[in-house]
């Protein structure tokens, strides 16, 4: 069985990447292949990288407050590229009311600060292992 491939991205001007790097390391330690795009990416670059890398999961870390702009753009690009089998998740400071709307638009799960690494790892495994 091939390992789950996860792309971790920081979109926009948000320069805080410690959490994204911690998540990336935890996913690697759990046996997943992880691609980290680095800081200041655009939704287009992230979706194109995910397509080129043939990932199973896109994880977006966002602390800038731009989640209501970033996630819908990524969803639209994923739909345009027919990436229906790629799980879109995210994490950061996202109010509950915004999380609900983003889930309705197509974000599978949003993880708030304090979520354990095991919870994130288990969610990905439960939703991507076939």
Protein backbone atom coordinates (compact mmCIF):
# COMPACT_ATOMS: atom_id res chain seq x y z
CA UNK A 1 0.00 0.00 0.00
CA UNK A 2 1.38 3.41 -0.97
CA UNK A 3 1.80 6.03 1.75
CA UNK A 4 -0.67 8.88 2.03
CA UNK A 5 0.75 11.99 0.31
CA UNK A 6 0.00 15.31 2.02
CA UNK A 7 0.77 18.83 0.84
CA UNK A 8 1.04 21.40 3.64
CA UNK A 9 0.67 25.02 2.54
CA UNK A 10 0.84 28.57 3.89
CA UNK A 11 -1.14 30.87 1.61
CA UNK A 12 -0.90 34.65 1.61
CA UNK A 13 1.18 36.98 3.73
CA UNK A 14 0.91 34.95 6.94
CA UNK A 15 4.53 34.46 8.03
CA UNK A 16 3.89 32.15 10.98
CA UNK A 17 4.90 28.68 9.87
CA UNK A 18 5.96 26.92 13.07
CA UNK A 19 2.62 25.11 13.36
CA UNK A 20 2.72 24.00 9.73
CA UNK A 21 6.23 22.63 10.21
CA UNK A 22 5.24 20.79 13.40
CA UNK A 23 2.26 19.23 11.60
CA UNK A 24 4.44 18.27 8.63
CA UNK A 25 6.95 16.55 10.92
CA UNK A 26 4.21 14.69 12.81
CA UNK A 27 2.63 13.46 9.58
CA UNK A 28 6.05 12.29 8.32
CA UNK A 29 6.64 10.48 11.62
CA UNK A 30 3.26 8.78 11.11
CA UNK A 31 4.48 7.37 7.78
CA UNK A 32 2.96 9.88 5.38
CA UNK A 33 4.83 11.56 2.55
CA UNK A 34 4.73 15.31 3.14
CA UNK A 35 5.39 18.18 0.76
CA UNK A 36 5.71 21.58 2.45
CA UNK A 37 5.32 24.49 0.03
CA UNK A 38 6.84 27.14 2.27
CA UNK A 39 5.56 30.63 3.04
CA UNK A 40 3.63 33.13 0.96
CA UNK A 41 2.06 30.81 -1.59
CA UNK A 42 -0.95 31.59 -3.78
CA UNK A 43 -3.99 29.32 -4.06
CA UNK A 44 -3.01 28.68 -7.70
CA UNK A 45 0.53 27.58 -6.76
CA UNK A 46 -0.77 25.32 -4.01
CA UNK A 47 -3.36 23.58 -6.18
CA UNK A 48 -0.91 23.20 -9.06
CA UNK A 49 1.72 21.73 -6.71
CA UNK A 50 -0.87 19.33 -5.28
CA UNK A 51 -1.80 18.22 -8.78
CA UNK A 52 1.84 17.77 -9.85
CA UNK A 53 2.73 15.89 -6.68
CA UNK A 54 -0.39 13.68 -6.93
CA UNK A 55 -1.30 14.24 -3.30
CA UNK A 56 -4.16 12.69 -1.37
CA UNK A 57 -4.56 15.60 1.04
CA UNK A 58 -4.08 19.38 0.97
CA UNK A 59 -3.61 20.92 4.40
CA UNK A 60 -3.70 24.70 4.68
CA UNK A 61 -2.42 26.48 7.77
CA UNK A 62 -3.83 29.97 8.15
CA UNK A 63 -3.52 32.47 10.96
CA UNK A 64 -3.99 35.69 8.99
CA UNK A 65 -7.79 35.89 9.10
CA UNK A 66 -8.07 35.41 5.32
CA UNK A 67 -9.63 31.95 5.61
CA UNK A 68 -12.95 33.07 4.05
CA UNK A 69 -11.06 34.14 0.93
CA UNK A 70 -8.34 31.49 0.74
CA UNK A 71 -10.37 28.30 1.19
CA UNK A 72 -13.13 29.13 -1.35
CA UNK A 73 -10.46 30.02 -3.92
CA UNK A 74 -8.66 26.71 -3.33
CA UNK A 75 -11.97 24.83 -3.55
CA UNK A 76 -12.85 26.52 -6.85
CA UNK A 77 -9.42 25.69 -8.31
CA UNK A 78 -9.66 22.08 -7.12
CA UNK A 79 -13.08 21.73 -8.75
CA UNK A 80 -11.81 23.26 -11.99
CA UNK A 81 -8.98 20.70 -12.05
CA UNK A 82 -11.35 17.84 -11.10
CA UNK A 83 -9.49 17.06 -7.89
CA UNK A 84 -12.56 15.55 -6.27
CA UNK A 85 -10.58 12.76 -4.62
CA UNK A 86 -8.23 15.13 -2.74
CA UNK A 87 -9.14 15.80 0.89
CA UNK A 88 -8.95 19.51 1.83
CA UNK A 89 -8.27 20.23 5.49
CA UNK A 90 -6.96 23.22 7.37
CA UNK A 91 -5.96 24.63 10.68
CA UNK A 92 -5.46 27.89 12.46
CA UNK A 93 -7.52 30.58 14.10
CA UNK A 94 -10.92 30.16 12.47
CA UNK A 95 -14.15 31.11 14.28
CA UNK A 96 -16.79 28.38 14.58
CA UNK A 97 -19.32 30.22 12.39
CA UNK A 98 -16.72 30.54 9.63
CA UNK A 99 -15.71 26.88 10.04
CA UNK A 100 -19.30 25.79 9.50
CA UNK A 101 -19.59 27.85 6.29
CA UNK A 102 -16.24 26.57 5.00
CA UNK A 103 -17.26 22.98 5.71
CA UNK A 104 -20.45 23.53 3.72
CA UNK A 105 -18.37 24.87 0.80
CA UNK A 106 -16.10 21.82 0.74
CA UNK A 107 -13.42 21.96 3.42
CA UNK A 108 -13.50 18.49 4.96
CA UNK A 109 -12.23 19.49 8.41
CA UNK A 110 -10.71 22.48 10.17
CA UNK A 111 -8.50 21.92 13.21
CA UNK A 112 -8.30 24.60 15.88
CA UNK A 113 -5.32 25.31 18.14
CA UNK A 114 -5.02 22.63 20.80
CA UNK A 115 -5.94 19.77 18.48
CA UNK A 116 -3.64 16.83 19.13
CA UNK A 117 -1.36 15.48 16.43
CA UNK A 118 -2.98 12.07 16.87
CA UNK A 119 -6.41 13.53 16.12
CA UNK A 120 -5.13 15.03 12.86
CA UNK A 121 -3.22 11.89 11.88
CA UNK A 122 -6.19 9.64 12.64
CA UNK A 123 -8.59 11.87 10.72
CA UNK A 124 -6.39 11.76 7.63
CA UNK A 125 -5.88 7.99 7.88
CA UNK A 126 -9.59 7.32 8.40
CA UNK A 127 -10.50 9.43 5.39
CA UNK A 128 -7.72 8.54 2.94
CA UNK A 129 -6.79 4.90 3.53
CA UNK A 130 -8.59 2.78 0.95
